[in-house]
Amino acid sequence: MSTDYQDYSLFFRFIEAYSPSGFKGINRNDPLIAEIEDMMERNNQFFYVGDILQMHIIFSSTRSFQMLGITPEELTPYHFFEATHPDDMFRHTLGRAKMFKIAHELFTAEKGDSLLSTNIRLRNPQGKYSDTLLQLYFYYSTIPYKSVFVIKVHTNIDWFTGRKHGFHYYVGNDMSYFRYPDEKLLMTGVPFSDREFEIIKLIETGLSSDLIANKLYLSVHTVNTHRRNILEKANKQNMSDVIYDLMQRGVL
């Protein structure tokens, strides 16, 4: 893979070139678009640009068809919900809420940018689920009108086997995370196993260890062992701090 395509500088050139027109009427034969499409092909990616406040996808690269089975002209936010693995739907819904919160904060401040990055499983045209990294770069703009726009990059990361538990997650302003993913980037996130995360969600609803054990058909000893492991992984003294941290990050 060309090292030229390990960073995402092309997307900022894309913003500079097409934001004055609101990303409308883009000529796919433009050399810049051709270069981005080449990057998408090499990296097994596709991207779109959208207006968050209007919930509207304005322009998408052509590989949406290879990765989702949806042509750029037909692509809507609905297709991502429809393609999400059922076990990842909870996180997808929370991520969507976090996305709108970020957009609201930027619009209220009338300045700034932010990044949201995580991975979920999306169904491909062959009916199988692929682990997909979602990287969303948000920025406030007054051109061509006041709104919050997003560049959303989708990357197939089926090749990554370094994480046995948890999932990648980052929210913040460190734009070094807006790059083609490597192991260091993908290991950033939530360290809990699916079972531990399930227990955290039940604790958040107010259930005791006894009730959680009954609900999950586990022993109380096993539930309490999970609780200790959760605190150790999170480096927290109590579960309320774990829950608060996850809620602030938008994953609970």
Foldseek 3Di string as FASTA:
>chain_A
DDPVAFFPVLVVVVCVVQLLVVNPPDDCPPPSNVVVLVSCVVQVKKKFKDFLVVQDTHFIRQCCCQFQVAGRVGDHPVSQCVFFDPLCNLQVVLVNVVVVVVFVVCLVVQWDKKKKKWWTWGQGPVRDTFIKIWIKIWTFDCRVHTGIMIMIMIGGVNVDDPAPADIQIDIGDPCVLRGRDDPVRGVHDQNHHPVLVVLLVVVVVPDDLVVVCVVVVHDSVVSVVSLVVNCVVVVHDHSVVVNVVCVVRRRD
